[in-house]
Amino acid sequence: MIDKYEVVTLCGSTRFKEDFMSVQKELTLQGKIVISVGLFGHAGDNEVWDDNTKEMLDDMHKRKIDMADSIFVINKNHYIGKSTRSEIEYAENTGKPVHYLETP
C-alpha cells in the first residue's frame, strides 16, 4: 500500500538506546517514517565529541523536528532532561503534536 506516511521524530535521553530502537521499530511497523538521533552520547557514542558537538547535535535535532509531523518522547521512568525539554517546547511552539512513551 502506498500512502502519505506520517513523519515522527524521536526525542529523549540517549541513555535509553534500546528504547529508541524498540520505539523506532514499533512506529515503523505502524507505517510511520521515523527520524531518530544520529549518536547515542549517553550510551558511549561521545568519544569523538569536541566542545561544539553537543550544540551542533541539539540544533540538528530541532531541524529534524522541523521535518516531522509530530514528535515521540522516550521518557522512560518519566525522565526528561534539559535537551529533551527544550525539544518538547520547540515542537509545541511550532505546532507539532507531542506523544510520550509514558504519560507525563
N, C-alpha and C. Protein backbone atom coordinates (compact mmCIF):
# COMPACT_ATOMS: atom_id res chain seq x y z
N MET A 1 0.84 -1.17 0.00
CA MET A 1 0.00 0.00 0.00
C MET A 1 0.89 1.24 0.00
N ILE A 2 0.65 2.15 -0.90
CA ILE A 2 1.38 3.41 -0.94
C ILE A 2 0.45 4.48 -0.42
N ASP A 3 0.96 5.29 0.49
CA ASP A 3 0.14 6.24 1.20
C ASP A 3 1.00 7.45 1.56
N LYS A 4 0.39 8.45 2.17
CA LYS A 4 1.15 9.54 2.77
C LYS A 4 1.48 9.09 4.18
N TYR A 5 2.76 8.98 4.45
CA TYR A 5 3.19 8.47 5.74
C TYR A 5 3.47 9.62 6.70
N GLU A 6 3.00 9.47 7.93
CA GLU A 6 3.32 10.44 8.97
C GLU A 6 4.81 10.33 9.29
N VAL A 7 5.44 11.48 9.50
CA VAL A 7 6.86 11.52 9.86
C VAL A 7 6.94 11.88 11.35
N VAL A 8 7.67 11.07 12.10
CA VAL A 8 7.80 11.24 13.55
C VAL A 8 9.28 11.36 13.90
N THR A 9 9.62 12.37 14.71
CA THR A 9 10.98 12.49 15.23
C THR A 9 10.99 12.00 16.67
N LEU A 10 11.93 11.10 16.97
CA LEU A 10 12.09 10.60 18.33
C LEU A 10 12.93 11.57 19.13
N CYS A 11 12.53 11.82 20.36
CA CYS A 11 13.26 12.68 21.28
C CYS A 11 13.39 11.96 22.62
N GLY A 12 14.44 12.27 23.34
CA GLY A 12 14.63 11.67 24.66
C GLY A 12 16.10 11.51 24.96
N SER A 13 16.39 11.08 26.17
CA SER A 13 17.77 10.88 26.57
C SER A 13 18.38 9.72 25.81
N THR A 14 19.59 9.94 25.31
CA THR A 14 20.26 8.89 24.55
C THR A 14 20.75 7.76 25.45
N ARG A 15 20.55 7.87 26.77
CA ARG A 15 20.85 6.74 27.65
C ARG A 15 19.87 5.60 27.44
N PHE A 16 18.76 5.88 26.76
CA PHE A 16 17.72 4.87 26.53
C PHE A 16 17.82 4.30 25.11
N LYS A 17 19.00 3.93 24.70
CA LYS A 17 19.26 3.46 23.34
C LYS A 17 18.35 2.30 22.94
N GLU A 18 18.21 1.31 23.80
CA GLU A 18 17.37 0.15 23.47
C GLU A 18 15.92 0.57 23.29
N ASP A 19 15.46 1.52 24.07
CA ASP A 19 14.08 2.00 23.93
C ASP A 19 13.91 2.77 22.62
N PHE A 20 14.93 3.55 22.23
CA PHE A 20 14.88 4.22 20.93
C PHE A 20 14.70 3.19 19.82
N MET A 21 15.48 2.12 19.87
CA MET A 21 15.43 1.10 18.82
C MET A 21 14.06 0.40 18.81
N SER A 22 13.54 0.11 19.98
CA SER A 22 12.24 -0.57 20.10
C SER A 22 11.10 0.32 19.58
N VAL A 23 11.10 1.58 19.99
CA VAL A 23 10.04 2.51 19.55
C VAL A 23 10.15 2.75 18.06
N GLN A 24 11.37 2.89 17.55
CA GLN A 24 11.56 3.08 16.11
C GLN A 24 10.95 1.92 15.33
N LYS A 25 11.20 0.72 15.78
CA LYS A 25 10.66 -0.47 15.12
C LYS A 25 9.13 -0.47 15.17
N GLU A 26 8.58 -0.20 16.36
CA GLU A 26 7.13 -0.20 16.53
C GLU A 26 6.45 0.83 15.65
N LEU A 27 6.98 2.06 15.64
CA LEU A 27 6.37 3.12 14.82
C LEU A 27 6.51 2.83 13.33
N THR A 28 7.64 2.26 12.93
CA THR A 28 7.83 1.90 11.52
C THR A 28 6.80 0.86 11.10
N LEU A 29 6.56 -0.12 11.95
CA LEU A 29 5.57 -1.16 11.64
C LEU A 29 4.15 -0.60 11.62
N GLN A 30 3.95 0.56 12.25
CA GLN A 30 2.66 1.25 12.20
C GLN A 30 2.52 2.09 10.93
N GLY A 31 3.57 2.09 10.09
CA GLY A 31 3.52 2.84 8.84
C GLY A 31 3.99 4.27 8.95
N LYS A 32 4.81 4.56 9.94
CA LYS A 32 5.32 5.90 10.11
C LYS A 32 6.79 5.96 9.68
N ILE A 33 7.19 7.10 9.13
CA ILE A 33 8.60 7.34 8.84
C ILE A 33 9.21 7.91 10.12
N VAL A 34 10.29 7.29 10.60
CA VAL A 34 10.87 7.67 11.88
C VAL A 34 12.23 8.33 11.68
N ILE A 35 12.38 9.51 12.29
CA ILE A 35 13.65 10.22 12.32
C ILE A 35 14.17 10.09 13.75
N SER A 36 15.40 9.67 13.90
CA SER A 36 15.94 9.44 15.24
C SER A 36 17.23 10.23 15.44
N VAL A 37 17.86 9.96 16.55
CA VAL A 37 19.15 10.59 16.85
C VAL A 37 20.23 9.94 15.99
N GLY A 38 21.31 10.68 15.77
CA GLY A 38 22.42 10.14 14.99
C GLY A 38 23.49 9.49 15.84
N LEU A 39 23.55 9.90 17.11
CA LEU A 39 24.53 9.37 18.06
C LEU A 39 23.85 9.13 19.39
N PHE A 40 24.35 8.16 20.12
CA PHE A 40 23.86 7.89 21.47
C PHE A 40 24.96 8.26 22.46
N GLY A 41 25.08 9.56 22.73
CA GLY A 41 26.15 10.09 23.56
C GLY A 41 26.20 9.49 24.95
N HIS A 42 25.04 9.30 25.57
CA HIS A 42 25.00 8.73 26.92
C HIS A 42 25.15 7.21 26.90
N ALA A 43 25.23 6.64 25.72
CA ALA A 43 25.41 5.19 25.60
C ALA A 43 26.75 4.85 24.96
N GLY A 44 27.69 5.81 24.99
CA GLY A 44 29.05 5.53 24.56
C GLY A 44 29.49 6.14 23.24
N ASP A 45 28.62 6.84 22.53
CA ASP A 45 28.99 7.43 21.24
C ASP A 45 29.61 8.80 21.36
N ASN A 46 30.14 9.16 22.52
CA ASN A 46 30.64 10.52 22.70
C ASN A 46 32.17 10.61 22.69
N GLU A 47 32.85 9.57 22.29
CA GLU A 47 34.32 9.59 22.32
C GLU A 47 34.93 10.51 21.27
N VAL A 48 34.17 10.91 20.27
CA VAL A 48 34.71 11.77 19.21
C VAL A 48 34.18 13.21 19.31
N TRP A 49 33.55 13.56 20.40
CA TRP A 49 32.97 14.89 20.55
C TRP A 49 34.02 15.93 20.89
N ASP A 50 33.83 17.14 20.34
CA ASP A 50 34.62 18.27 20.80
C ASP A 50 33.66 19.26 21.47
N ASP A 51 34.14 20.45 21.79
CA ASP A 51 33.33 21.40 22.54
C ASP A 51 32.06 21.84 21.81
N ASN A 52 32.06 21.78 20.49
CA ASN A 52 30.91 22.26 19.72
C ASN A 52 29.92 21.16 19.35
N THR A 53 30.25 19.91 19.60
CA THR A 53 29.43 18.80 19.13
C THR A 53 28.04 18.81 19.75
N LYS A 54 27.91 18.98 21.06
CA LYS A 54 26.60 18.95 21.72
C LYS A 54 25.70 20.05 21.18
N GLU A 55 26.24 21.25 21.02
CA GLU A 55 25.46 22.36 20.49
C GLU A 55 24.98 22.05 19.07
N MET A 56 25.87 21.48 18.24
CA MET A 56 25.51 21.13 16.87
C MET A 56 24.42 20.06 16.86
N LEU A 57 24.58 19.02 17.68
CA LEU A 57 23.59 17.94 17.70
C LEU A 57 22.23 18.43 18.17
N ASP A 58 22.20 19.32 19.17
CA ASP A 58 20.93 19.88 19.64
C ASP A 58 20.25 20.68 18.53
N ASP A 59 21.03 21.47 17.79
CA ASP A 59 20.47 22.25 16.69
C ASP A 59 19.97 21.33 15.57
N MET A 60 20.77 20.32 15.23
CA MET A 60 20.36 19.37 14.19
C MET A 60 19.05 18.68 14.56
N HIS A 61 18.88 18.37 15.84
CA HIS A 61 17.67 17.66 16.25
C HIS A 61 16.44 18.57 16.10
N LYS A 62 16.63 19.85 16.31
CA LYS A 62 15.50 20.78 16.08
C LYS A 62 15.16 20.83 14.60
N ARG A 63 16.15 20.72 13.73
CA ARG A 63 15.86 20.68 12.29
C ARG A 63 15.11 19.39 11.95
N LYS A 64 15.42 18.30 12.64
CA LYS A 64 14.69 17.04 12.45
C LYS A 64 13.23 17.20 12.89
N ILE A 65 13.02 17.96 13.95
CA ILE A 65 11.65 18.25 14.40
C ILE A 65 10.93 19.06 13.33
N ASP A 66 11.63 20.01 12.70
CA ASP A 66 11.03 20.80 11.62
C ASP A 66 10.52 19.90 10.49
N MET A 67 11.24 18.83 10.22
CA MET A 67 10.89 17.93 9.11
C MET A 67 9.74 16.97 9.46
N ALA A 68 9.40 16.89 10.73
CA ALA A 68 8.41 15.90 11.18
C ALA A 68 7.01 16.48 11.29
N ASP A 69 6.04 15.56 11.32
CA ASP A 69 4.66 15.93 11.59
C ASP A 69 4.39 15.99 13.09
N SER A 70 5.15 15.21 13.86
CA SER A 70 4.98 15.14 15.31
C SER A 70 6.28 14.63 15.92
N ILE A 71 6.35 14.69 17.27
CA ILE A 71 7.48 14.07 17.95
C ILE A 71 6.96 13.01 18.91
N PHE A 72 7.84 12.04 19.18
CA PHE A 72 7.54 10.99 20.15
C PHE A 72 8.66 11.02 21.18
N VAL A 73 8.29 11.29 22.44
CA VAL A 73 9.27 11.45 23.51
C VAL A 73 9.46 10.11 24.24
N ILE A 74 10.69 9.66 24.27
CA ILE A 74 11.04 8.45 25.01
C ILE A 74 11.44 8.91 26.41
N ASN A 75 10.47 8.89 27.31
CA ASN A 75 10.65 9.39 28.67
C ASN A 75 10.56 8.23 29.67
N LYS A 76 11.43 7.25 29.49
CA LYS A 76 11.45 6.07 30.35
C LYS A 76 11.59 6.49 31.81
N ASN A 77 10.79 5.84 32.66
CA ASN A 77 10.74 6.20 34.09
C ASN A 77 10.44 7.68 34.29
N HIS A 78 9.73 8.26 33.32
CA HIS A 78 9.30 9.66 33.33
C HIS A 78 10.46 10.65 33.29
N TYR A 79 11.64 10.19 32.86
CA TYR A 79 12.81 11.07 32.81
C TYR A 79 12.78 11.94 31.56
N ILE A 80 12.88 13.25 31.77
CA ILE A 80 13.01 14.22 30.69
C ILE A 80 14.12 15.18 31.08
N GLY A 81 15.23 15.14 30.36
CA GLY A 81 16.37 16.01 30.64
C GLY A 81 16.23 17.37 29.99
N LYS A 82 17.23 18.20 30.19
CA LYS A 82 17.22 19.58 29.71
C LYS A 82 17.08 19.68 28.18
N SER A 83 17.86 18.90 27.44
CA SER A 83 17.78 18.95 25.97
C SER A 83 16.42 18.48 25.48
N THR A 84 15.91 17.42 26.06
CA THR A 84 14.60 16.90 25.64
C THR A 84 13.50 17.89 25.96
N ARG A 85 13.58 18.52 27.14
CA ARG A 85 12.58 19.53 27.50
C ARG A 85 12.59 20.67 26.47
N SER A 86 13.78 21.06 26.04
CA SER A 86 13.91 22.10 25.02
C SER A 86 13.28 21.67 23.70
N GLU A 87 13.47 20.41 23.34
CA GLU A 87 12.88 19.88 22.10
C GLU A 87 11.36 19.83 22.18
N ILE A 88 10.83 19.47 23.34
CA ILE A 88 9.37 19.44 23.53
C ILE A 88 8.81 20.85 23.38
N GLU A 89 9.44 21.82 24.04
CA GLU A 89 9.00 23.21 23.94
C GLU A 89 9.07 23.70 22.50
N TYR A 90 10.14 23.35 21.79
CA TYR A 90 10.29 23.75 20.40
C TYR A 90 9.16 23.16 19.55
N ALA A 91 8.88 21.87 19.74
CA ALA A 91 7.81 21.22 18.97
C ALA A 91 6.47 21.88 19.26
N GLU A 92 6.18 22.13 20.53
CA GLU A 92 4.91 22.76 20.89
C GLU A 92 4.80 24.16 20.29
N ASN A 93 5.90 24.91 20.33
CA ASN A 93 5.89 26.28 19.80
C ASN A 93 5.74 26.31 18.28
N THR A 94 6.07 25.21 17.61
CA THR A 94 5.92 25.15 16.16
C THR A 94 4.68 24.36 15.75
N GLY A 95 3.81 24.05 16.73
CA GLY A 95 2.54 23.41 16.43
C GLY A 95 2.59 21.92 16.18
N LYS A 96 3.67 21.26 16.60
CA LYS A 96 3.80 19.81 16.38
C LYS A 96 3.18 19.06 17.56
N PRO A 97 2.36 18.06 17.28
CA PRO A 97 1.85 17.22 18.38
C PRO A 97 3.01 16.49 19.06
N VAL A 98 2.86 16.30 20.36
CA VAL A 98 3.87 15.63 21.17
C VAL A 98 3.24 14.39 21.81
N HIS A 99 3.85 13.24 21.55
CA HIS A 99 3.39 11.97 22.13
C HIS A 99 4.48 11.44 23.02
N TYR A 100 4.10 10.66 24.03
CA TYR A 100 5.06 10.18 25.02
C TYR A 100 5.00 8.66 25.17
N LEU A 101 6.15 8.08 25.48
CA LEU A 101 6.22 6.67 25.83
C LEU A 101 5.42 6.43 27.12
N GLU A 102 5.66 7.28 28.12
CA GLU A 102 4.95 7.21 29.39
C GLU A 102 4.25 8.55 29.63
N THR A 103 3.01 8.53 30.02
CA THR A 103 2.25 9.75 30.25
C THR A 103 2.97 10.60 31.28
N PRO A 104 3.27 11.87 30.93
CA PRO A 104 4.00 12.73 31.91
C PRO A 104 3.11 13.15 33.06
